PDB file of all heavy atoms in Angstrom:
ATOM      1  N   TYR A   1      -7.028 153.538  26.434  1.00  0.00           N
ATOM      2  CA  TYR A   1      -8.197 152.712  26.096  1.00  0.00           C
ATOM      3  C   TYR A   1      -9.302 153.561  25.480  1.00  0.00           C
ATOM      4  O   TYR A   1      -9.897 153.184  24.467  1.00  0.00           O
ATOM      5  CB  TYR A   1      -8.705 151.997  27.346  1.00  0.00           C
ATOM      6  CG  TYR A   1      -9.994 151.247  27.120  1.00  0.00           C
ATOM      7  CD1 TYR A   1     -10.000 150.000  26.498  1.00  0.00           C
ATOM      8  CD2 TYR A   1     -11.221 151.795  27.519  1.00  0.00           C
ATOM      9  CE1 TYR A   1     -11.182 149.316  26.274  1.00  0.00           C
ATOM     10  CE2 TYR A   1     -12.410 151.124  27.298  1.00  0.00           C
ATOM     11  CZ  TYR A   1     -12.389 149.883  26.670  1.00  0.00           C
ATOM     12  OH  TYR A   1     -13.576 149.223  26.447  1.00  0.00           O
ATOM     13  N   LEU A   2      -9.587 154.687  26.095  1.00  0.00           N
ATOM     14  CA  LEU A   2     -10.659 155.552  25.595  1.00  0.00           C
ATOM     15  C   LEU A   2     -10.349 156.074  24.203  1.00  0.00           C
ATOM     16  O   LEU A   2     -11.232 156.147  23.342  1.00  0.00           O
ATOM     17  CB  LEU A   2     -10.870 156.718  26.565  1.00  0.00           C
ATOM     18  CG  LEU A   2     -11.448 156.359  27.930  1.00  0.00           C
ATOM     19  CD1 LEU A   2     -11.453 157.583  28.833  1.00  0.00           C
ATOM     20  CD2 LEU A   2     -12.856 155.795  27.793  1.00  0.00           C
ATOM     21  N   ILE A   3      -9.086 156.418  23.958  1.00  0.00           N
ATOM     22  CA  ILE A   3      -8.688 156.920  22.644  1.00  0.00           C
ATOM     23  C   ILE A   3      -8.720 155.798  21.607  1.00  0.00           C
ATOM     24  O   ILE A   3      -9.227 155.962  20.499  1.00  0.00           O
ATOM     25  CB  ILE A   3      -7.284 157.552  22.711  1.00  0.00           C
ATOM     26  CG1 ILE A   3      -7.326 158.819  23.573  1.00  0.00           C
ATOM     27  CG2 ILE A   3      -6.770 157.878  21.312  1.00  0.00           C
ATOM     28  CD1 ILE A   3      -5.956 159.408  23.853  1.00  0.00           C
ATOM     29  N   TYR A   4      -8.205 154.624  21.986  1.00  0.00           N
ATOM     30  CA  TYR A   4      -8.147 153.491  21.057  1.00  0.00           C
ATOM     31  C   TYR A   4      -9.540 153.045  20.626  1.00  0.00           C
ATOM     32  O   TYR A   4      -9.771 152.689  19.468  1.00  0.00           O
ATOM     33  CB  TYR A   4      -7.405 152.323  21.700  1.00  0.00           C
ATOM     34  CG  TYR A   4      -7.308 151.107  20.807  1.00  0.00           C
ATOM     35  CD1 TYR A   4      -6.384 151.058  19.767  1.00  0.00           C
ATOM     36  CD2 TYR A   4      -8.162 150.018  20.987  1.00  0.00           C
ATOM     37  CE1 TYR A   4      -6.303 149.960  18.926  1.00  0.00           C
ATOM     38  CE2 TYR A   4      -8.092 148.917  20.153  1.00  0.00           C
ATOM     39  CZ  TYR A   4      -7.168 148.888  19.126  1.00  0.00           C
ATOM     40  OH  TYR A   4      -7.103 147.795  18.295  1.00  0.00           O
ATOM     41  N   THR A   5     -10.480 153.046  21.539  1.00  0.00           N
ATOM     42  CA  THR A   5     -11.835 152.599  21.232  1.00  0.00           C
ATOM     43  C   THR A   5     -12.704 153.693  20.638  1.00  0.00           C
ATOM     44  O   THR A   5     -13.859 153.454  20.282  1.00  0.00           O
ATOM     45  CB  THR A   5     -12.517 152.052  22.494  1.00  0.00           C
ATOM     46  OG1 THR A   5     -12.521 153.068  23.516  1.00  0.00           O
ATOM     47  CG2 THR A   5     -11.796 150.813  23.012  1.00  0.00           C
ATOM     48  N   GLY A   6     -12.152 154.902  20.520  1.00  0.00           N
ATOM     49  CA  GLY A   6     -12.908 156.000  19.937  1.00  0.00           C
ATOM     50  C   GLY A   6     -13.906 156.641  20.880  1.00  0.00           C
ATOM     51  O   GLY A   6     -14.689 157.503  20.468  1.00  0.00           O
ATOM     52  N   LEU A   7     -13.882 156.254  22.154  1.00  0.00           N
ATOM     53  CA  LEU A   7     -14.794 156.860  23.125  1.00  0.00           C
ATOM     54  C   LEU A   7     -14.371 158.284  23.454  1.00  0.00           C
ATOM     55  O   LEU A   7     -15.195 159.099  23.877  1.00  0.00           O
ATOM     56  CB  LEU A   7     -14.842 156.012  24.401  1.00  0.00           C
ATOM     57  CG  LEU A   7     -15.429 154.603  24.220  1.00  0.00           C
ATOM     58  CD1 LEU A   7     -15.299 153.808  25.507  1.00  0.00           C
ATOM     59  CD2 LEU A   7     -16.899 154.694  23.793  1.00  0.00           C
ATOM     60  N   PHE A   8     -13.080 158.568  23.265  1.00  0.00           N
ATOM     61  CA  PHE A   8     -12.569 159.934  23.445  1.00  0.00           C
ATOM     62  C   PHE A   8     -11.633 160.246  22.298  1.00  0.00           C
ATOM     63  O   PHE A   8     -10.673 159.509  22.051  1.00  0.00           O
ATOM     64  CB  PHE A   8     -11.841 160.070  24.782  1.00  0.00           C
ATOM     65  CG  PHE A   8     -11.177 161.410  24.966  1.00  0.00           C
ATOM     66  CD1 PHE A   8     -11.918 162.578  24.948  1.00  0.00           C
ATOM     67  CD2 PHE A   8      -9.805 161.497  25.145  1.00  0.00           C
ATOM     68  CE1 PHE A   8     -11.302 163.811  25.107  1.00  0.00           C
ATOM     69  CE2 PHE A   8      -9.180 162.723  25.314  1.00  0.00           C
ATOM     70  CZ  PHE A   8      -9.935 163.884  25.293  1.00  0.00           C
ATOM     71  N   ILE A   9     -11.933 161.317  21.564  1.00  0.00           N
ATOM     72  CA  ILE A   9     -11.121 161.729  20.425  1.00  0.00           C
ATOM     73  C   ILE A   9     -10.539 163.109  20.732  1.00  0.00           C
ATOM     74  O   ILE A   9     -11.225 164.123  20.605  1.00  0.00           O
ATOM     75  CB  ILE A   9     -11.962 161.767  19.136  1.00  0.00           C
ATOM     76  CG1 ILE A   9     -12.524 160.362  18.856  1.00  0.00           C
ATOM     77  CG2 ILE A   9     -11.134 162.263  17.955  1.00  0.00           C
ATOM     78  CD1 ILE A   9     -13.473 160.297  17.671  1.00  0.00           C
ATOM     79  N   PRO A  10      -9.276 163.160  21.195  1.00  0.00           N
ATOM     80  CA  PRO A  10      -8.685 164.441  21.634  1.00  0.00           C
ATOM     81  C   PRO A  10      -8.739 165.536  20.583  1.00  0.00           C
ATOM     82  O   PRO A  10      -8.950 166.712  20.911  1.00  0.00           O
ATOM     83  CB  PRO A  10      -7.235 164.046  21.956  1.00  0.00           C
ATOM     84  CG  PRO A  10      -7.278 162.582  22.239  1.00  0.00           C
ATOM     85  CD  PRO A  10      -8.345 162.035  21.333  1.00  0.00           C
ATOM     86  N   ASN A  11      -8.554 165.168  19.314  1.00  0.00           N
ATOM     87  CA  ASN A  11      -8.503 166.196  18.267  1.00  0.00           C
ATOM     88  C   ASN A  11      -9.816 166.941  18.087  1.00  0.00           C
ATOM     89  O   ASN A  11      -9.842 168.015  17.486  1.00  0.00           O
ATOM     90  CB  ASN A  11      -8.080 165.572  16.933  1.00  0.00           C
ATOM     91  CG  ASN A  11      -6.589 165.365  16.856  1.00  0.00           C
ATOM     92  OD1 ASN A  11      -5.824 166.000  17.579  1.00  0.00           O
ATOM     93  ND2 ASN A  11      -6.147 164.481  15.980  1.00  0.00           N
ATOM     94  N   LYS A  12     -10.905 166.394  18.589  1.00  0.00           N
ATOM     95  CA  LYS A  12     -12.179 167.106  18.501  1.00  0.00           C
ATOM     96  C   LYS A  12     -12.133 168.433  19.257  1.00  0.00           C
ATOM     97  O   LYS A  12     -12.910 169.346  18.957  1.00  0.00           O
ATOM     98  CB  LYS A  12     -13.313 166.237  19.048  1.00  0.00           C
ATOM     99  CG  LYS A  12     -13.813 165.184  18.088  1.00  0.00           C
ATOM    100  CD  LYS A  12     -15.061 164.500  18.633  1.00  0.00           C
ATOM    101  CE  LYS A  12     -15.643 163.534  17.623  1.00  0.00           C
ATOM    102  NZ  LYS A  12     -16.878 162.876  18.144  1.00  0.00           N
ATOM    103  N   LEU A  13     -11.221 168.519  20.217  1.00  0.00           N
ATOM    104  CA  LEU A  13     -11.093 169.759  20.994  1.00  0.00           C
ATOM    105  C   LEU A  13     -10.628 170.919  20.118  1.00  0.00           C
ATOM    106  O   LEU A  13     -10.824 172.079  20.475  1.00  0.00           O
ATOM    107  CB  LEU A  13     -10.109 169.546  22.154  1.00  0.00           C
ATOM    108  CG  LEU A  13     -10.481 168.461  23.170  1.00  0.00           C
ATOM    109  CD1 LEU A  13      -9.347 168.255  24.171  1.00  0.00           C
ATOM    110  CD2 LEU A  13     -11.773 168.818  23.890  1.00  0.00           C
ATOM    111  N   PHE A  14      -9.991 170.607  18.965  1.00  0.00           N
ATOM    112  CA  PHE A  14      -9.480 171.652  18.082  1.00  0.00           C
ATOM    113  C   PHE A  14     -10.489 172.075  17.012  1.00  0.00           C
ATOM    114  O   PHE A  14     -10.212 173.005  16.256  1.00  0.00           O
ATOM    115  CB  PHE A  14      -8.201 171.166  17.380  1.00  0.00           C
ATOM    116  CG  PHE A  14      -7.058 170.882  18.316  1.00  0.00           C
ATOM    117  CD1 PHE A  14      -6.692 169.578  18.606  1.00  0.00           C
ATOM    118  CD2 PHE A  14      -6.360 171.922  18.897  1.00  0.00           C
ATOM    119  CE1 PHE A  14      -5.631 169.311  19.462  1.00  0.00           C
ATOM    120  CE2 PHE A  14      -5.298 171.669  19.755  1.00  0.00           C
ATOM    121  CZ  PHE A  14      -4.935 170.358  20.041  1.00  0.00           C
ATOM    122  N   LEU A  15     -11.625 171.387  16.941  1.00  0.00           N
ATOM    123  CA  LEU A  15     -12.583 171.682  15.876  1.00  0.00           C
ATOM    124  C   LEU A  15     -13.478 172.855  16.266  1.00  0.00           C
ATOM    125  O   LEU A  15     -14.058 172.867  17.356  1.00  0.00           O
ATOM    126  CB  LEU A  15     -13.450 170.458  15.591  1.00  0.00           C
ATOM    127  CG  LEU A  15     -12.726 169.160  15.218  1.00  0.00           C
ATOM    128  CD1 LEU A  15     -13.747 168.073  14.917  1.00  0.00           C
ATOM    129  CD2 LEU A  15     -11.792 169.370  14.038  1.00  0.00           C
ATOM    130  N   PRO A  16     -13.646 173.827  15.372  1.00  0.00           N
ATOM    131  CA  PRO A  16     -14.578 174.922  15.660  1.00  0.00           C
ATOM    132  C   PRO A  16     -16.015 174.422  15.639  1.00  0.00           C
ATOM    133  O   PRO A  16     -16.328 173.388  15.040  1.00  0.00           O
ATOM    134  CB  PRO A  16     -14.312 175.916  14.523  1.00  0.00           C
ATOM    135  CG  PRO A  16     -13.735 175.091  13.418  1.00  0.00           C
ATOM    136  CD  PRO A  16     -12.957 173.986  14.083  1.00  0.00           C
ATOM    137  N   ARG A  17     -16.897 175.152  16.293  1.00  0.00           N
ATOM    138  CA  ARG A  17     -18.298 174.726  16.376  1.00  0.00           C
ATOM    139  C   ARG A  17     -18.960 174.623  15.012  1.00  0.00           C
ATOM    140  O   ARG A  17     -19.831 173.778  14.792  1.00  0.00           O
ATOM    141  CB  ARG A  17     -19.081 175.701  17.260  1.00  0.00           C
ATOM    142  CG  ARG A  17     -18.707 175.640  18.739  1.00  0.00           C
ATOM    143  CD  ARG A  17     -19.599 176.553  19.548  1.00  0.00           C
ATOM    144  NE  ARG A  17     -19.278 176.479  20.974  1.00  0.00           N
ATOM    145  CZ  ARG A  17     -19.908 177.183  21.914  1.00  0.00           C
ATOM    146  NH1 ARG A  17     -20.903 177.999  21.563  1.00  0.00           N
ATOM    147  NH2 ARG A  17     -19.560 177.058  23.172  1.00  0.00           N
ATOM    148  N   ASP A  18     -18.577 175.493  14.091  1.00  0.00           N
ATOM    149  CA  ASP A  18     -19.198 175.507  12.769  1.00  0.00           C
ATOM    150  C   ASP A  18     -18.363 174.763  11.733  1.00  0.00           C
ATOM    151  O   ASP A  18     -18.444 175.029  10.534  1.00  0.00           O
ATOM    152  CB  ASP A  18     -19.428 176.949  12.307  1.00  0.00           C
ATOM    153  CG  ASP A  18     -18.135 177.763  12.277  1.00  0.00           C
ATOM    154  OD1 ASP A  18     -17.109 177.277  12.810  1.00  0.00           O
ATOM    155  OD2 ASP A  18     -18.151 178.867  11.708  1.00  0.00           O
ATOM    156  N   ALA A  19     -17.546 173.829  12.176  1.00  0.00           N
ATOM    157  CA  ALA A  19     -16.653 173.097  11.274  1.00  0.00           C
ATOM    158  C   ALA A  19     -17.447 172.314  10.230  1.00  0.00           C
ATOM    159  O   ALA A  19     -18.515 171.770  10.513  1.00  0.00           O
ATOM    160  CB  ALA A  19     -15.774 172.145  12.074  1.00  0.00           C
ATOM    161  N   ILE A  20     -16.897 172.261   9.015  1.00  0.00           N
ATOM    162  CA  ILE A  20     -17.470 171.446   7.948  1.00  0.00           C
ATOM    163  C   ILE A  20     -16.789 170.086   8.022  1.00  0.00           C
ATOM    164  O   ILE A  20     -15.606 169.959   7.725  1.00  0.00           O
ATOM    165  CB  ILE A  20     -17.259 172.106   6.571  1.00  0.00           C
ATOM    166  CG1 ILE A  20     -17.937 173.475   6.548  1.00  0.00           C
ATOM    167  CG2 ILE A  20     -17.801 171.217   5.454  1.00  0.00           C
ATOM    168  CD1 ILE A  20     -17.677 174.267   5.272  1.00  0.00           C
ATOM    169  N   ILE A  21     -17.541 169.076   8.421  1.00  0.00           N
ATOM    170  CA  ILE A  21     -16.985 167.768   8.739  1.00  0.00           C
ATOM    171  C   ILE A  21     -17.514 166.715   7.768  1.00  0.00           C
ATOM    172  O   ILE A  21     -18.654 166.788   7.305  1.00  0.00           O
ATOM    173  CB  ILE A  21     -17.339 167.381  10.188  1.00  0.00           C
ATOM    174  CG1 ILE A  21     -16.638 168.329  11.168  1.00  0.00           C
ATOM    175  CG2 ILE A  21     -16.953 165.941  10.498  1.00  0.00           C
ATOM    176  CD1 ILE A  21     -17.037 168.125  12.600  1.00  0.00           C
ATOM    177  N   GLY A  22     -16.665 165.737   7.452  1.00  0.00           N
ATOM    178  CA  GLY A  22     -17.087 164.650   6.586  1.00  0.00           C
ATOM    179  C   GLY A  22     -16.289 163.387   6.868  1.00  0.00           C
ATOM    180  O   GLY A  22     -15.393 163.366   7.713  1.00  0.00           O
ATOM    181  N   CYS A  23     -16.602 162.337   6.118  1.00  0.00           N
ATOM    182  CA  CYS A  23     -15.941 161.057   6.316  1.00  0.00           C
ATOM    183  C   CYS A  23     -15.300 160.590   5.017  1.00  0.00           C
ATOM    184  O   CYS A  23     -15.503 161.181   3.960  1.00  0.00           O
ATOM    185  CB  CYS A  23     -16.944 160.010   6.796  1.00  0.00           C
ATOM    186  SG  CYS A  23     -18.256 159.652   5.607  1.00  0.00           S
ATOM    187  N   ASP A  24     -14.491 159.540   5.091  1.00  0.00           N
ATOM    188  CA  ASP A  24     -14.035 158.853   3.884  1.00  0.00           C
ATOM    189  C   ASP A  24     -14.237 157.363   4.097  1.00  0.00           C
ATOM    190  O   ASP A  24     -14.044 156.855   5.199  1.00  0.00           O
ATOM    191  CB  ASP A  24     -12.588 159.201   3.536  1.00  0.00           C
ATOM    192  CG  ASP A  24     -11.592 158.825   4.612  1.00  0.00           C
ATOM    193  OD1 ASP A  24     -11.351 159.644   5.513  1.00  0.00           O
ATOM    194  OD2 ASP A  24     -11.058 157.710   4.551  1.00  0.00           O
TER     195      ASP A  24
END
């Protein structure tokens, strides 16, 4: 439920603190 609703995104654990992030 948490993953489906976007309340918890497991892959964020792999992102470095200084990651360059964007959307599409």
